[in-house]
Amino acid sequence: MAEAFARAYGKEKVAAFSAGLEPKRLHPVAVEVMREKGIDVSRQESKAFSEDLARRMDYVITVCGNAEEHCPMLPPGVRRLHWPLEDPARATGSPEEVREVFRRSRNEIEQLVQKFLGEV
């Protein structure tokens, strides 16, 4: 979701990539709630985080505790930021309750991306 918002709002300002320590397929509810914002992420893929990828970055933003704790050392000059977000994929409950968790997460990520873009 962060990559999609950064691409949508950052336009020419940033090139955003989603990479993870353990990349996974997109959660179908994430696709659904992003579509509610008019953003199609259905073809978006998470890549594996690597030192080579990090060398091409100015910023690496981790978005959950596990990523912050296990993020490898970054090359000199690459700034790391951490956004302590809950993983909506761990939500339980009825389909609507899970969808609402994803919406809250989406909205929080959208605000963080907009704030970040305003600062860079």
PDB file of N, CA and C in Angstrom:
ATOM      1  N   MET A   1       0.825  -1.184   0.000  1.00  0.00           N
ATOM      2  CA  MET A   1       0.000   0.000   0.000  1.00  0.00           C
ATOM      3  C   MET A   1       0.873   1.254   0.000  1.00  0.00           C
ATOM      4  N   ALA A   2       1.968   1.218   0.755  1.00  0.00           N
ATOM      5  CA  ALA A   2       2.852   2.388   0.812  1.00  0.00           C
ATOM      6  C   ALA A   2       3.469   2.669  -0.550  1.00  0.00           C
ATOM      7  N   GLU A   3       3.895   1.623  -1.241  1.00  0.00           N
ATOM      8  CA  GLU A   3       4.463   1.813  -2.576  1.00  0.00           C
ATOM      9  C   GLU A   3       3.434   2.461  -3.505  1.00  0.00           C
ATOM     10  N   ALA A   4       2.213   1.978  -3.457  1.00  0.00           N
ATOM     11  CA  ALA A   4       1.176   2.503  -4.342  1.00  0.00           C
ATOM     12  C   ALA A   4       0.865   3.965  -4.046  1.00  0.00           C
ATOM     13  N   PHE A   5       0.769   4.314  -2.765  1.00  0.00           N
ATOM     14  CA  PHE A   5       0.522   5.718  -2.427  1.00  0.00           C
ATOM     15  C   PHE A   5       1.704   6.594  -2.821  1.00  0.00           C
ATOM     16  N   ALA A   6       2.918   6.105  -2.613  1.00  0.00           N
ATOM     17  CA  ALA A   6       4.099   6.890  -2.988  1.00  0.00           C
ATOM     18  C   ALA A   6       4.129   7.122  -4.495  1.00  0.00           C
ATOM     19  N   ARG A   7       3.769   6.119  -5.255  1.00  0.00           N
ATOM     20  CA  ARG A   7       3.725   6.282  -6.718  1.00  0.00           C
ATOM     21  C   ARG A   7       2.609   7.248  -7.125  1.00  0.00           C
ATOM     22  N   ALA A   8       1.463   7.124  -6.473  1.00  0.00           N
ATOM     23  CA  ALA A   8       0.317   7.964  -6.824  1.00  0.00           C
ATOM     24  C   ALA A   8       0.549   9.421  -6.457  1.00  0.00           C
ATOM     25  N   TYR A   9       1.101   9.666  -5.272  1.00  0.00           N
ATOM     26  CA  TYR A   9       1.269  11.036  -4.804  1.00  0.00           C
ATOM     27  C   TYR A   9       2.656  11.603  -5.090  1.00  0.00           C
ATOM     28  N   GLY A  10       3.640  10.727  -5.258  1.00  0.00           N
ATOM     29  CA  GLY A  10       5.013  11.184  -5.461  1.00  0.00           C
ATOM     30  C   GLY A  10       5.342  11.498  -6.895  1.00  0.00           C
ATOM     31  N   LYS A  11       4.539  10.931  -7.810  1.00  0.00           N
ATOM     32  CA  LYS A  11       4.732  11.131  -9.256  1.00  0.00           C
ATOM     33  C   LYS A  11       6.215  11.171  -9.613  1.00  0.00           C
ATOM     34  N   GLU A  12       6.691  12.297 -10.064  1.00  0.00           N
ATOM     35  CA  GLU A  12       8.078  12.445 -10.510  1.00  0.00           C
ATOM     36  C   GLU A  12       9.049  12.626  -9.346  1.00  0.00           C
ATOM     37  N   LYS A  13       8.534  12.796  -8.143  1.00  0.00           N
ATOM     38  CA  LYS A  13       9.382  13.118  -6.997  1.00  0.00           C
ATOM     39  C   LYS A  13      10.120  11.896  -6.441  1.00  0.00           C
ATOM     40  N   VAL A  14       9.478  10.737  -6.469  1.00  0.00           N
ATOM     41  CA  VAL A  14      10.082   9.530  -5.913  1.00  0.00           C
ATOM     42  C   VAL A  14       9.861   8.332  -6.828  1.00  0.00           C
ATOM     43  N   ALA A  15      10.763   7.381  -6.710  1.00  0.00           N
ATOM     44  CA  ALA A  15      10.574   6.059  -7.307  1.00  0.00           C
ATOM     45  C   ALA A  15      10.434   5.113  -6.123  1.00  0.00           C
ATOM     46  N   ALA A  16       9.296   4.495  -5.995  1.00  0.00           N
ATOM     47  CA  ALA A  16       9.009   3.671  -4.819  1.00  0.00           C
ATOM     48  C   ALA A  16       9.063   2.192  -5.173  1.00  0.00           C
ATOM     49  N   PHE A  17       9.600   1.416  -4.258  1.00  0.00           N
ATOM     50  CA  PHE A  17       9.676  -0.026  -4.413  1.00  0.00           C
ATOM     51  C   PHE A  17       9.281  -0.671  -3.102  1.00  0.00           C
ATOM     52  N   SER A  18       8.488  -1.716  -3.181  1.00  0.00           N
ATOM     53  CA  SER A  18       8.135  -2.482  -2.003  1.00  0.00           C
ATOM     54  C   SER A  18       9.021  -3.714  -1.981  1.00  0.00           C
ATOM     55  N   ALA A  19       9.748  -3.872  -0.900  1.00  0.00           N
ATOM     56  CA  ALA A  19      10.615  -5.034  -0.751  1.00  0.00           C
ATOM     57  C   ALA A  19      10.490  -5.537   0.672  1.00  0.00           C
ATOM     58  N   GLY A  20      10.631  -6.818   0.839  1.00  0.00           N
ATOM     59  CA  GLY A  20      10.488  -7.368   2.169  1.00  0.00           C
ATOM     60  C   GLY A  20      11.543  -8.395   2.496  1.00  0.00           C
ATOM     61  N   LEU A  21      11.680  -8.638   3.781  1.00  0.00           N
ATOM     62  CA  LEU A  21      12.599  -9.682   4.223  1.00  0.00           C
ATOM     63  C   LEU A  21      12.044 -11.051   3.856  1.00  0.00           C
ATOM     64  N   GLU A  22      10.721 -11.150   3.859  1.00  0.00           N
ATOM     65  CA  GLU A  22      10.032 -12.368   3.441  1.00  0.00           C
ATOM     66  C   GLU A  22       8.873 -11.955   2.537  1.00  0.00           C
ATOM     67  N   PRO A  23       9.166 -11.613   1.274  1.00  0.00           N
ATOM     68  CA  PRO A  23       8.107 -11.122   0.379  1.00  0.00           C
ATOM     69  C   PRO A  23       6.973 -12.135   0.231  1.00  0.00           C
ATOM     70  N   LYS A  24       5.772 -11.592   0.205  1.00  0.00           N
ATOM     71  CA  LYS A  24       4.584 -12.434   0.068  1.00  0.00           C
ATOM     72  C   LYS A  24       3.689 -11.856  -1.015  1.00  0.00           C
ATOM     73  N   ARG A  25       2.738 -12.661  -1.425  1.00  0.00           N
ATOM     74  CA  ARG A  25       1.748 -12.173  -2.387  1.00  0.00           C
ATOM     75  C   ARG A  25       0.861 -11.134  -1.717  1.00  0.00           C
ATOM     76  N   LEU A  26       0.264 -10.307  -2.526  1.00  0.00           N
ATOM     77  CA  LEU A  26      -0.641  -9.298  -1.982  1.00  0.00           C
ATOM     78  C   LEU A  26      -1.853  -9.958  -1.344  1.00  0.00           C
ATOM     79  N   HIS A  27      -2.260  -9.415  -0.242  1.00  0.00           N
ATOM     80  CA  HIS A  27      -3.468  -9.891   0.418  1.00  0.00           C
ATOM     81  C   HIS A  27      -4.657  -9.378  -0.389  1.00  0.00           C
ATOM     82  N   PRO A  28      -5.622 -10.241  -0.693  1.00  0.00           N
ATOM     83  CA  PRO A  28      -6.764  -9.794  -1.511  1.00  0.00           C
ATOM     84  C   PRO A  28      -7.544  -8.631  -0.895  1.00  0.00           C
ATOM     85  N   VAL A  29      -7.579  -8.536   0.426  1.00  0.00           N
ATOM     86  CA  VAL A  29      -8.299  -7.420   1.045  1.00  0.00           C
ATOM     87  C   VAL A  29      -7.519  -6.120   0.856  1.00  0.00           C
ATOM     88  N   ALA A  30      -6.195  -6.187   0.810  1.00  0.00           N
ATOM     89  CA  ALA A  30      -5.397  -4.992   0.519  1.00  0.00           C
ATOM     90  C   ALA A  30      -5.725  -4.481  -0.878  1.00  0.00           C
ATOM     91  N   VAL A  31      -5.841  -5.388  -1.824  1.00  0.00           N
ATOM     92  CA  VAL A  31      -6.210  -5.003  -3.194  1.00  0.00           C
ATOM     93  C   VAL A  31      -7.580  -4.347  -3.193  1.00  0.00           C
ATOM     94  N   GLU A  32      -8.510  -4.932  -2.464  1.00  0.00           N
ATOM     95  CA  GLU A  32      -9.882  -4.419  -2.395  1.00  0.00           C
ATOM     96  C   GLU A  32      -9.938  -3.011  -1.796  1.00  0.00           C
ATOM     97  N   VAL A  33      -9.263  -2.794  -0.650  1.00  0.00           N
ATOM     98  CA  VAL A  33      -9.375  -1.487   0.004  1.00  0.00           C
ATOM     99  C   VAL A  33      -8.597  -0.411  -0.745  1.00  0.00           C
ATOM    100  N   MET A  34      -7.559  -0.794  -1.465  1.00  0.00           N
ATOM    101  CA  MET A  34      -6.858   0.195  -2.289  1.00  0.00           C
ATOM    102  C   MET A  34      -7.718   0.578  -3.487  1.00  0.00           C
ATOM    103  N   ARG A  35      -8.454  -0.368  -4.015  1.00  0.00           N
ATOM    104  CA  ARG A  35      -9.370  -0.074  -5.128  1.00  0.00           C
ATOM    105  C   ARG A  35     -10.410   0.964  -4.695  1.00  0.00           C
ATOM    106  N   GLU A  36     -10.809   0.926  -3.407  1.00  0.00           N
ATOM    107  CA  GLU A  36     -11.754   1.920  -2.889  1.00  0.00           C
ATOM    108  C   GLU A  36     -11.181   3.333  -3.010  1.00  0.00           C
ATOM    109  N   LYS A  37      -9.865   3.460  -3.022  1.00  0.00           N
ATOM    110  CA  LYS A  37      -9.194   4.758  -3.173  1.00  0.00           C
ATOM    111  C   LYS A  37      -8.872   5.055  -4.635  1.00  0.00           C
ATOM    112  N   GLY A  38      -9.298   4.176  -5.525  1.00  0.00           N
ATOM    113  CA  GLY A  38      -9.042   4.387  -6.949  1.00  0.00           C
ATOM    114  C   GLY A  38      -7.641   3.977  -7.376  1.00  0.00           C
ATOM    115  N   ILE A  39      -6.982   3.137  -6.584  1.00  0.00           N
ATOM    116  CA  ILE A  39      -5.623   2.699  -6.900  1.00  0.00           C
ATOM    117  C   ILE A  39      -5.623   1.187  -7.080  1.00  0.00           C
ATOM    118  N   ASP A  40      -5.187   0.737  -8.245  1.00  0.00           N
ATOM    119  CA  ASP A  40      -5.126  -0.693  -8.550  1.00  0.00           C
ATOM    120  C   ASP A  40      -3.742  -1.226  -8.212  1.00  0.00           C
ATOM    121  N   VAL A  41      -3.673  -2.092  -7.208  1.00  0.00           N
ATOM    122  CA  VAL A  41      -2.397  -2.701  -6.830  1.00  0.00           C
ATOM    123  C   VAL A  41      -2.352  -4.184  -7.203  1.00  0.00           C
ATOM    124  N   SER A  42      -3.324  -4.642  -7.956  1.00  0.00           N
ATOM    125  CA  SER A  42      -3.454  -6.078  -8.220  1.00  0.00           C
ATOM    126  C   SER A  42      -2.239  -6.679  -8.929  1.00  0.00           C
ATOM    127  N   ARG A  43      -1.489  -5.868  -9.646  1.00  0.00           N
ATOM    128  CA  ARG A  43      -0.307  -6.382 -10.354  1.00  0.00           C
ATOM    129  C   ARG A  43       0.996  -6.041  -9.640  1.00  0.00           C
ATOM    130  N   GLN A  44       0.885  -5.403  -8.506  1.00  0.00           N
ATOM    131  CA  GLN A  44       2.063  -5.008  -7.742  1.00  0.00           C
ATOM    132  C   GLN A  44       2.655  -6.235  -7.047  1.00  0.00           C
ATOM    133  N   GLU A  45       3.970  -6.305  -6.987  1.00  0.00           N
ATOM    134  CA  GLU A  45       4.641  -7.424  -6.325  1.00  0.00           C
ATOM    135  C   GLU A  45       5.679  -6.903  -5.354  1.00  0.00           C
ATOM    136  N   SER A  46       5.827  -7.614  -4.265  1.00  0.00           N
ATOM    137  CA  SER A  46       6.896  -7.295  -3.327  1.00  0.00           C
ATOM    138  C   SER A  46       8.140  -8.038  -3.764  1.00  0.00           C
ATOM    139  N   LYS A  47       9.254  -7.332  -3.746  1.00  0.00           N
ATOM    140  CA  LYS A  47      10.519  -7.931  -4.105  1.00  0.00           C
ATOM    141  C   LYS A  47      11.280  -8.268  -2.829  1.00  0.00           C
ATOM    142  N   ALA A  48      12.262  -9.138  -2.957  1.00  0.00           N
ATOM    143  CA  ALA A  48      13.108  -9.458  -1.813  1.00  0.00           C
ATOM    144  C   ALA A  48      14.066  -8.305  -1.570  1.00  0.00           C
ATOM    145  N   PHE A  49      14.186  -7.904  -0.317  1.00  0.00           N
ATOM    146  CA  PHE A  49      15.116  -6.837   0.034  1.00  0.00           C
ATOM    147  C   PHE A  49      16.535  -7.363  -0.129  1.00  0.00           C
ATOM    148  N   SER A  50      17.385  -6.559  -0.739  1.00  0.00           N
ATOM    149  CA  SER A  50      18.777  -6.963  -0.925  1.00  0.00           C
ATOM    150  C   SER A  50      19.677  -5.752  -0.756  1.00  0.00           C
ATOM    151  N   GLU A  51      20.946  -6.017  -0.508  1.00  0.00           N
ATOM    152  CA  GLU A  51      21.911  -4.933  -0.378  1.00  0.00           C
ATOM    153  C   GLU A  51      22.031  -4.173  -1.697  1.00  0.00           C
ATOM    154  N   ASP A  52      21.949  -4.905  -2.812  1.00  0.00           N
ATOM    155  CA  ASP A  52      22.017  -4.260  -4.123  1.00  0.00           C
ATOM    156  C   ASP A  52      20.863  -3.277  -4.305  1.00  0.00           C
ATOM    157  N   LEU A  53      19.665  -3.676  -3.934  1.00  0.00           N
ATOM    158  CA  LEU A  53      18.507  -2.789  -4.021  1.00  0.00           C
ATOM    159  C   LEU A  53      18.699  -1.588  -3.104  1.00  0.00           C
ATOM    160  N   ALA A  54      19.192  -1.833  -1.895  1.00  0.00           N
ATOM    161  CA  ALA A  54      19.394  -0.750  -0.927  1.00  0.00           C
ATOM    162  C   ALA A  54      20.389   0.291  -1.438  1.00  0.00           C
ATOM    163  N   ARG A  55      21.380  -0.126  -2.193  1.00  0.00           N
ATOM    164  CA  ARG A  55      22.377   0.825  -2.718  1.00  0.00           C
ATOM    165  C   ARG A  55      21.753   1.859  -3.642  1.00  0.00           C
ATOM    166  N   ARG A  56      20.610   1.541  -4.215  1.00  0.00           N
ATOM    167  CA  ARG A  56      19.938   2.458  -5.138  1.00  0.00           C
ATOM    168  C   ARG A  56      18.926   3.357  -4.434  1.00  0.00           C
ATOM    169  N   MET A  57      18.829   3.249  -3.124  1.00  0.00           N
ATOM    170  CA  MET A  57      17.833   3.984  -2.351  1.00  0.00           C
ATOM    171  C   MET A  57      18.440   5.167  -1.611  1.00  0.00           C
ATOM    172  N   ASP A  58      17.628   6.178  -1.411  1.00  0.00           N
ATOM    173  CA  ASP A  58      17.972   7.269  -0.499  1.00  0.00           C
ATOM    174  C   ASP A  58      17.384   6.992   0.876  1.00  0.00           C
ATOM    175  N   TYR A  59      16.213   6.341   0.886  1.00  0.00           N
ATOM    176  CA  TYR A  59      15.509   6.011   2.126  1.00  0.00           C
ATOM    177  C   TYR A  59      15.043   4.564   2.066  1.00  0.00           C
ATOM    178  N   VAL A  60      15.079   3.906   3.203  1.00  0.00           N
ATOM    179  CA  VAL A  60      14.432   2.614   3.395  1.00  0.00           C
ATOM    180  C   VAL A  60      13.481   2.813   4.567  1.00  0.00           C
ATOM    181  N   ILE A  61      12.215   2.518   4.324  1.00  0.00           N
ATOM    182  CA  ILE A  61      11.204   2.698   5.363  1.00  0.00           C
ATOM    183  C   ILE A  61      10.696   1.322   5.764  1.00  0.00           C
ATOM    184  N   THR A  62      10.917   0.965   7.010  1.00  0.00           N
ATOM    185  CA  THR A  62      10.376  -0.292   7.526  1.00  0.00           C
ATOM    186  C   THR A  62       8.998   0.000   8.112  1.00  0.00           C
ATOM    187  N   VAL A  63       8.095  -0.977   7.992  1.00  0.00           N
ATOM    188  CA  VAL A  63       6.712  -0.709   8.392  1.00  0.00           C
ATOM    189  C   VAL A  63       6.157  -1.673   9.437  1.00  0.00           C
ATOM    190  N   CYS A  64       6.979  -2.511  10.005  1.00  0.00           N
ATOM    191  CA  CYS A  64       6.516  -3.320  11.124  1.00  0.00           C
ATOM    192  C   CYS A  64       7.709  -3.643  12.001  1.00  0.00           C
ATOM    193  N   GLY A  65       7.440  -4.042  13.223  1.00  0.00           N
ATOM    194  CA  GLY A  65       8.508  -4.295  14.186  1.00  0.00           C
ATOM    195  C   GLY A  65       9.514  -5.317  13.715  1.00  0.00           C
ATOM    196  N   ASN A  66       9.052  -6.393  13.105  1.00  0.00           N
ATOM    197  CA  ASN A  66       9.937  -7.443  12.635  1.00  0.00           C
ATOM    198  C   ASN A  66      10.932  -6.904  11.609  1.00  0.00           C
ATOM    199  N   ALA A  67      10.467  -6.084  10.699  1.00  0.00           N
ATOM    200  CA  ALA A  67      11.353  -5.525   9.671  1.00  0.00           C
ATOM    201  C   ALA A  67      12.388  -4.599  10.288  1.00  0.00           C
ATOM    202  N   GLU A  68      11.967  -3.804  11.260  1.00  0.00           N
ATOM    203  CA  GLU A  68      12.919  -2.889  11.890  1.00  0.00           C
ATOM    204  C   GLU A  68      14.004  -3.672  12.621  1.00  0.00           C
ATOM    205  N   GLU A  69      13.608  -4.711  13.324  1.00  0.00           N
ATOM    206  CA  GLU A  69      14.553  -5.505  14.101  1.00  0.00           C
ATOM    207  C   GLU A  69      15.501  -6.314  13.228  1.00  0.00           C
ATOM    208  N   HIS A  70      15.040  -6.753  12.067  1.00  0.00           N
ATOM    209  CA  HIS A  70      15.830  -7.645  11.232  1.00  0.00           C
ATOM    210  C   HIS A  70      16.366  -6.997   9.964  1.00  0.00           C
ATOM    211  N   CYS A  71      16.142  -5.709   9.807  1.00  0.00           N
ATOM    212  CA  CYS A  71      16.644  -5.016   8.626  1.00  0.00           C
ATOM    213  C   CYS A  71      18.175  -5.050   8.655  1.00  0.00           C
ATOM    214  N   PRO A  72      18.794  -5.511   7.580  1.00  0.00           N
ATOM    215  CA  PRO A  72      20.258  -5.560   7.559  1.00  0.00           C
ATOM    216  C   PRO A  72      20.857  -4.154   7.572  1.00  0.00           C
ATOM    217  N   MET A  73      22.135  -4.102   7.834  1.00  0.00           N
ATOM    218  CA  MET A  73      22.842  -2.822   7.778  1.00  0.00           C
ATOM    219  C   MET A  73      22.660  -2.239   6.386  1.00  0.00           C
ATOM    220  N   LEU A  74      22.467  -0.947   6.342  1.00  0.00           N
ATOM    221  CA  LEU A  74      22.268  -0.270   5.055  1.00  0.00           C
ATOM    222  C   LEU A  74      23.575   0.372   4.607  1.00  0.00           C
ATOM    223  N   PRO A  75      23.741   0.512   3.303  1.00  0.00           N
ATOM    224  CA  PRO A  75      24.937   1.183   2.799  1.00  0.00           C
ATOM    225  C   PRO A  75      25.011   2.621   3.318  1.00  0.00           C
ATOM    226  N   PRO A  76      26.213   3.188   3.404  1.00  0.00           N
ATOM    227  CA  PRO A  76      26.350   4.582   3.841  1.00  0.00           C
ATOM    228  C   PRO A  76      25.501   5.509   2.972  1.00  0.00           C
ATOM    229  N   GLY A  77      24.898   6.474   3.619  1.00  0.00           N
ATOM    230  CA  GLY A  77      24.094   7.457   2.898  1.00  0.00           C
ATOM    231  C   GLY A  77      22.629   7.093   2.743  1.00  0.00           C
ATOM    232  N   VAL A  78      22.258   5.859   3.052  1.00  0.00           N
ATOM    233  CA  VAL A  78      20.857   5.442   2.965  1.00  0.00           C
ATOM    234  C   VAL A  78      20.235   5.639   4.338  1.00  0.00           C
ATOM    235  N   ARG A  79      19.193   6.437   4.381  1.00  0.00           N
ATOM    236  CA  ARG A  79      18.520   6.724   5.651  1.00  0.00           C
ATOM    237  C   ARG A  79      17.400   5.716   5.890  1.00  0.00           C
ATOM    238  N   ARG A  80      17.312   5.254   7.128  1.00  0.00           N
ATOM    239  CA  ARG A  80      16.228   4.334   7.474  1.00  0.00           C
ATOM    240  C   ARG A  80      15.227   5.055   8.355  1.00  0.00           C
ATOM    241  N   LEU A  81      13.964   4.922   8.005  1.00  0.00           N
ATOM    242  CA  LEU A  81      12.855   5.419   8.808  1.00  0.00           C
ATOM    243  C   LEU A  81      12.019   4.213   9.212  1.00  0.00           C
ATOM    244  N   HIS A  82      11.337   4.334  10.332  1.00  0.00           N
ATOM    245  CA  HIS A  82      10.467   3.241  10.755  1.00  0.00           C
ATOM    246  C   HIS A  82       9.076   3.774  11.050  1.00  0.00           C
ATOM    247  N   TRP A  83       8.095   3.123  10.454  1.00  0.00           N
ATOM    248  CA  TRP A  83       6.698   3.418  10.723  1.00  0.00           C
ATOM    249  C   TRP A  83       6.131   2.202  11.455  1.00  0.00           C
ATOM    250  N   PRO A  84       5.902   2.299  12.761  1.00  0.00           N
ATOM    251  CA  PRO A  84       5.456   1.136  13.542  1.00  0.00           C
ATOM    252  C   PRO A  84       3.978   0.814  13.319  1.00  0.00           C
ATOM    253  N   LEU A  85       3.712   0.114  12.246  1.00  0.00           N
ATOM    254  CA  LEU A  85       2.337  -0.222  11.874  1.00  0.00           C
ATOM    255  C   LEU A  85       2.014  -1.667  12.244  1.00  0.00           C
ATOM    256  N   GLU A  86       0.773  -1.889  12.574  1.00  0.00           N
ATOM    257  CA  GLU A  86       0.314  -3.257  12.782  1.00  0.00           C
ATOM    258  C   GLU A  86       0.102  -3.900  11.418  1.00  0.00           C
ATOM    259  N   ASP A  87       0.356  -5.189  11.334  1.00  0.00           N
ATOM    260  CA  ASP A  87       0.172  -5.920  10.084  1.00  0.00           C
ATOM    261  C   ASP A  87      -1.301  -6.277   9.929  1.00  0.00           C
ATOM    262  N   PRO A  88      -2.011  -5.667   8.989  1.00  0.00           N
ATOM    263  CA  PRO A  88      -3.439  -5.959   8.850  1.00  0.00           C
ATOM    264  C   PRO A  88      -3.706  -7.397   8.417  1.00  0.00           C
ATOM    265  N   ALA A  89      -2.713  -8.057   7.831  1.00  0.00           N
ATOM    266  CA  ALA A  89      -2.896  -9.446   7.404  1.00  0.00           C
ATOM    267  C   ALA A  89      -3.097 -10.382   8.593  1.00  0.00           C
ATOM    268  N   ARG A  90      -2.781  -9.910   9.781  1.00  0.00           N
ATOM    269  CA  ARG A  90      -2.978 -10.721  10.989  1.00  0.00           C
ATOM    270  C   ARG A  90      -4.355 -10.501  11.613  1.00  0.00           C
ATOM    271  N   ALA A  91      -5.165  -9.658  11.009  1.00  0.00           N
ATOM    272  CA  ALA A  91      -6.494  -9.353  11.553  1.00  0.00           C
ATOM    273  C   ALA A  91      -7.370 -10.598  11.562  1.00  0.00           C
ATOM    274  N   THR A  92      -8.195 -10.683  12.575  1.00  0.00           N
ATOM    275  CA  THR A  92      -9.156 -11.778  12.688  1.00  0.00           C
ATOM    276  C   THR A  92     -10.545 -11.191  12.864  1.00  0.00           C
ATOM    277  N   GLY A  93     -11.524 -12.023  12.677  1.00  0.00           N
ATOM    278  CA  GLY A  93     -12.903 -11.591  12.836  1.00  0.00           C
ATOM    279  C   GLY A  93     -13.691 -11.865  11.573  1.00  0.00           C
ATOM    280  N   SER A  94     -14.834 -11.222  11.498  1.00  0.00           N
ATOM    281  CA  SER A  94     -15.685 -11.389  10.322  1.00  0.00           C
ATOM    282  C   SER A  94     -15.010 -10.733   9.120  1.00  0.00           C
ATOM    283  N   PRO A  95     -15.437 -11.073   7.919  1.00  0.00           N
ATOM    284  CA  PRO A  95     -14.862 -10.416   6.739  1.00  0.00           C
ATOM    285  C   PRO A  95     -14.935  -8.889   6.814  1.00  0.00           C
ATOM    286  N   GLU A  96     -16.014  -8.351   7.329  1.00  0.00           N
ATOM    287  CA  GLU A  96     -16.140  -6.895   7.430  1.00  0.00           C
ATOM    288  C   GLU A  96     -15.192  -6.337   8.491  1.00  0.00           C
ATOM    289  N   GLU A  97     -14.998  -7.048   9.582  1.00  0.00           N
ATOM    290  CA  GLU A  97     -14.055  -6.599  10.613  1.00  0.00           C
ATOM    291  C   GLU A  97     -12.624  -6.587  10.075  1.00  0.00           C
ATOM    292  N   VAL A  98     -12.267  -7.608   9.323  1.00  0.00           N
ATOM    293  CA  VAL A  98     -10.938  -7.673   8.712  1.00  0.00           C
ATOM    294  C   VAL A  98     -10.774  -6.539   7.708  1.00  0.00           C
ATOM    295  N   ARG A  99     -11.794  -6.313   6.899  1.00  0.00           N
ATOM    296  CA  ARG A  99     -11.772  -5.225   5.913  1.00  0.00           C
ATOM    297  C   ARG A  99     -11.570  -3.881   6.602  1.00  0.00           C
ATOM    298  N   GLU A 100     -12.208  -3.693   7.752  1.00  0.00           N
ATOM    299  CA  GLU A 100     -12.077  -2.437   8.485  1.00  0.00           C
ATOM    300  C   GLU A 100     -10.652  -2.251   9.018  1.00  0.00           C
ATOM    301  N   VAL A 101     -10.013  -3.324   9.454  1.00  0.00           N
ATOM    302  CA  VAL A 101      -8.614  -3.246   9.885  1.00  0.00           C
ATOM    303  C   VAL A 101      -7.735  -2.822   8.712  1.00  0.00           C
ATOM    304  N   PHE A 102      -7.965  -3.396   7.554  1.00  0.00           N
ATOM    305  CA  PHE A 102      -7.205  -3.014   6.364  1.00  0.00           C
ATOM    306  C   PHE A 102      -7.458  -1.555   5.987  1.00  0.00           C
ATOM    307  N   ARG A 103      -8.683  -1.100   6.115  1.00  0.00           N
ATOM    308  CA  ARG A 103      -8.984   0.310   5.812  1.00  0.00           C
ATOM    309  C   ARG A 103      -8.240   1.251   6.754  1.00  0.00           C
ATOM    310  N   ARG A 104      -8.242   0.922   8.045  1.00  0.00           N
ATOM    311  CA  ARG A 104      -7.517   1.764   9.009  1.00  0.00           C
ATOM    312  C   ARG A 104      -6.030   1.788   8.677  1.00  0.00           C
ATOM    313  N   SER A 105      -5.482   0.645   8.358  1.00  0.00           N
ATOM    314  CA  SER A 105      -4.067   0.565   8.009  1.00  0.00           C
ATOM    315  C   SER A 105      -3.789   1.367   6.730  1.00  0.00           C
ATOM    316  N   ARG A 106      -4.649   1.217   5.730  1.00  0.00           N
ATOM    317  CA  ARG A 106      -4.516   1.960   4.478  1.00  0.00           C
ATOM    318  C   ARG A 106      -4.522   3.454   4.731  1.00  0.00           C
ATOM    319  N   ASN A 107      -5.439   3.918   5.558  1.00  0.00           N
ATOM    320  CA  ASN A 107      -5.546   5.351   5.829  1.00  0.00           C
ATOM    321  C   ASN A 107      -4.327   5.874   6.580  1.00  0.00           C
ATOM    322  N   GLU A 108      -3.832   5.076   7.514  1.00  0.00           N
ATOM    323  CA  GLU A 108      -2.633   5.476   8.253  1.00  0.00           C
ATOM    324  C   GLU A 108      -1.425   5.538   7.320  1.00  0.00           C
ATOM    325  N   ILE A 109      -1.284   4.544   6.464  1.00  0.00           N
ATOM    326  CA  ILE A 109      -0.172   4.531   5.501  1.00  0.00           C
ATOM    327  C   ILE A 109      -0.278   5.720   4.560  1.00  0.00           C
ATOM    328  N   GLU A 110      -1.467   6.023   4.086  1.00  0.00           N
ATOM    329  CA  GLU A 110      -1.661   7.165   3.190  1.00  0.00           C
ATOM    330  C   GLU A 110      -1.184   8.458   3.853  1.00  0.00           C
ATOM    331  N   GLN A 111      -1.556   8.661   5.110  1.00  0.00           N
ATOM    332  CA  GLN A 111      -1.136   9.869   5.829  1.00  0.00           C
ATOM    333  C   GLN A 111       0.383   9.915   6.010  1.00  0.00           C
ATOM    334  N   LEU A 112       0.982   8.783   6.346  1.00  0.00           N
ATOM    335  CA  LEU A 112       2.435   8.738   6.529  1.00  0.00           C
ATOM    336  C   LEU A 112       3.172   9.021   5.223  1.00  0.00           C
ATOM    337  N   VAL A 113       2.679   8.469   4.135  1.00  0.00           N
ATOM    338  CA  VAL A 113       3.309   8.713   2.825  1.00  0.00           C
ATOM    339  C   VAL A 113       3.191  10.188   2.462  1.00  0.00           C
ATOM    340  N   GLN A 114       2.033  10.775   2.655  1.00  0.00           N
ATOM    341  CA  GLN A 114       1.863  12.194   2.337  1.00  0.00           C
ATOM    342  C   GLN A 114       2.788  13.058   3.188  1.00  0.00           C
ATOM    343  N   LYS A 115       2.913  12.733   4.461  1.00  0.00           N
ATOM    344  CA  LYS A 115       3.821  13.488   5.343  1.00  0.00           C
ATOM    345  C   LYS A 115       5.261  13.322   4.874  1.00  0.00           C
ATOM    346  N   PHE A 116       5.660  12.100   4.559  1.00  0.00           N
ATOM    347  CA  PHE A 116       7.022  11.846   4.084  1.00  0.00           C
ATOM    348  C   PHE A 116       7.306  12.635   2.807  1.00  0.00           C
ATOM    349  N   LEU A 117       6.382  12.592   1.869  1.00  0.00           N
ATOM    350  CA  LEU A 117       6.585  13.301   0.603  1.00  0.00           C
ATOM    351  C   LEU A 117       6.682  14.814   0.813  1.00  0.00           C
ATOM    352  N   GLY A 118       5.982  15.327   1.805  1.00  0.00           N
ATOM    353  CA  GLY A 118       6.065  16.742   2.121  1.00  0.00           C
ATOM    354  C   GLY A 118       7.390  17.147   2.749  1.00  0.00           C
ATOM    355  N   GLU A 119       8.101  16.169   3.266  1.00  0.00           N
ATOM    356  CA  GLU A 119       9.381  16.450   3.953  1.00  0.00           C
ATOM    357  C   GLU A 119      10.598  16.198   3.086  1.00  0.00           C
ATOM    358  N   VAL A 120      10.463  15.452   2.009  1.00  0.00           N
ATOM    359  CA  VAL A 120      11.648  15.153   1.167  1.00  0.00           C
ATOM    360  C   VAL A 120      11.731  16.096  -0.011  1.00  0.00           C
TER     361      VAL A 120
END
